[in-house]
Amino acid sequence: MARSNYSFQKRQKELKRKKKKEEKLQRKLAKKALELEANSEEIPEEPENEDADDEADESG
């Protein structure tokens, strides 16, 4: 009589589930990064004026 290979099947199922979870996490991270990138392009940050700080230090 043939034995059931339940432990192998269970392990394969666990590996498949883990792989799917990792792929989902990567998709979420990629989507979040894309949204952050889009937001940063819409609102340009003002460059800091370092010269003004240097002049204040020299005069005082």
Protein backbone atom coordinates (compact mmCIF):
# COMPACT_ATOMS: atom_id res chain seq x y z
CA MET A 1 0.00 0.00 0.00
CA ALA A 2 1.34 3.47 -0.89
CA ARG A 3 1.95 5.96 1.88
CA SER A 4 0.51 9.43 1.81
CA ASN A 5 3.07 12.16 1.36
CA TYR A 6 1.22 14.63 3.56
CA SER A 7 4.26 16.27 5.14
CA PHE A 8 5.77 17.06 1.73
CA GLN A 9 2.47 18.47 0.47
CA LYS A 10 2.08 20.53 3.62
CA ARG A 11 5.58 21.95 3.27
CA GLN A 12 4.98 22.82 -0.38
CA LYS A 13 1.75 24.58 0.55
CA GLU A 14 3.54 26.56 3.28
CA LEU A 15 6.30 27.58 0.85
CA LYS A 16 3.74 28.68 -1.73
CA ARG A 17 1.88 30.71 0.88
CA LYS A 18 5.11 32.34 2.08
CA LYS A 19 6.14 33.21 -1.49
CA LYS A 20 2.74 34.74 -2.20
CA LYS A 21 2.94 36.81 0.99
CA GLU A 22 6.41 38.11 0.04
CA GLU A 23 5.21 39.04 -3.46
CA LYS A 24 2.26 40.90 -1.99
CA LEU A 25 4.56 42.79 0.39
CA GLN A 26 6.85 43.75 -2.51
CA ARG A 27 3.86 45.02 -4.52
CA LYS A 28 2.71 47.12 -1.56
CA LEU A 29 6.19 48.60 -1.07
CA ALA A 30 6.53 49.38 -4.78
CA LYS A 31 3.12 51.05 -4.83
CA LYS A 32 3.96 53.11 -1.74
CA ALA A 33 7.31 54.18 -3.20
CA LEU A 34 5.60 55.17 -6.44
CA GLU A 35 3.05 57.28 -4.56
CA LEU A 36 5.78 59.00 -2.54
CA GLU A 37 7.72 59.72 -5.71
CA ALA A 38 4.64 61.17 -7.39
CA ASN A 39 3.94 63.37 -4.37
CA SER A 40 7.51 64.65 -4.24
CA GLU A 41 7.34 65.63 -7.92
CA GLU A 42 4.14 67.60 -7.39
CA ILE A 43 5.49 69.62 -4.47
CA PRO A 44 9.05 70.73 -5.20
CA GLU A 45 11.08 71.45 -2.09
CA GLU A 46 12.68 74.87 -1.78
CA PRO A 47 16.48 74.75 -1.83
CA GLU A 48 18.09 75.99 1.33
CA ASN A 49 20.02 79.23 1.08
CA GLU A 50 23.34 78.43 2.75
CA ASP A 51 24.89 81.80 1.78
CA ALA A 52 22.50 83.68 4.08
CA ASP A 53 23.67 81.58 7.05
CA ASP A 54 27.33 82.21 6.23
CA GLU A 55 26.84 85.98 6.07
CA ALA A 56 25.10 86.00 9.44
CA ASP A 57 28.00 84.08 11.01
CA GLU A 58 30.63 86.41 9.57
CA SER A 59 28.93 89.62 10.74
CA GLY A 60 28.20 88.46 14.25
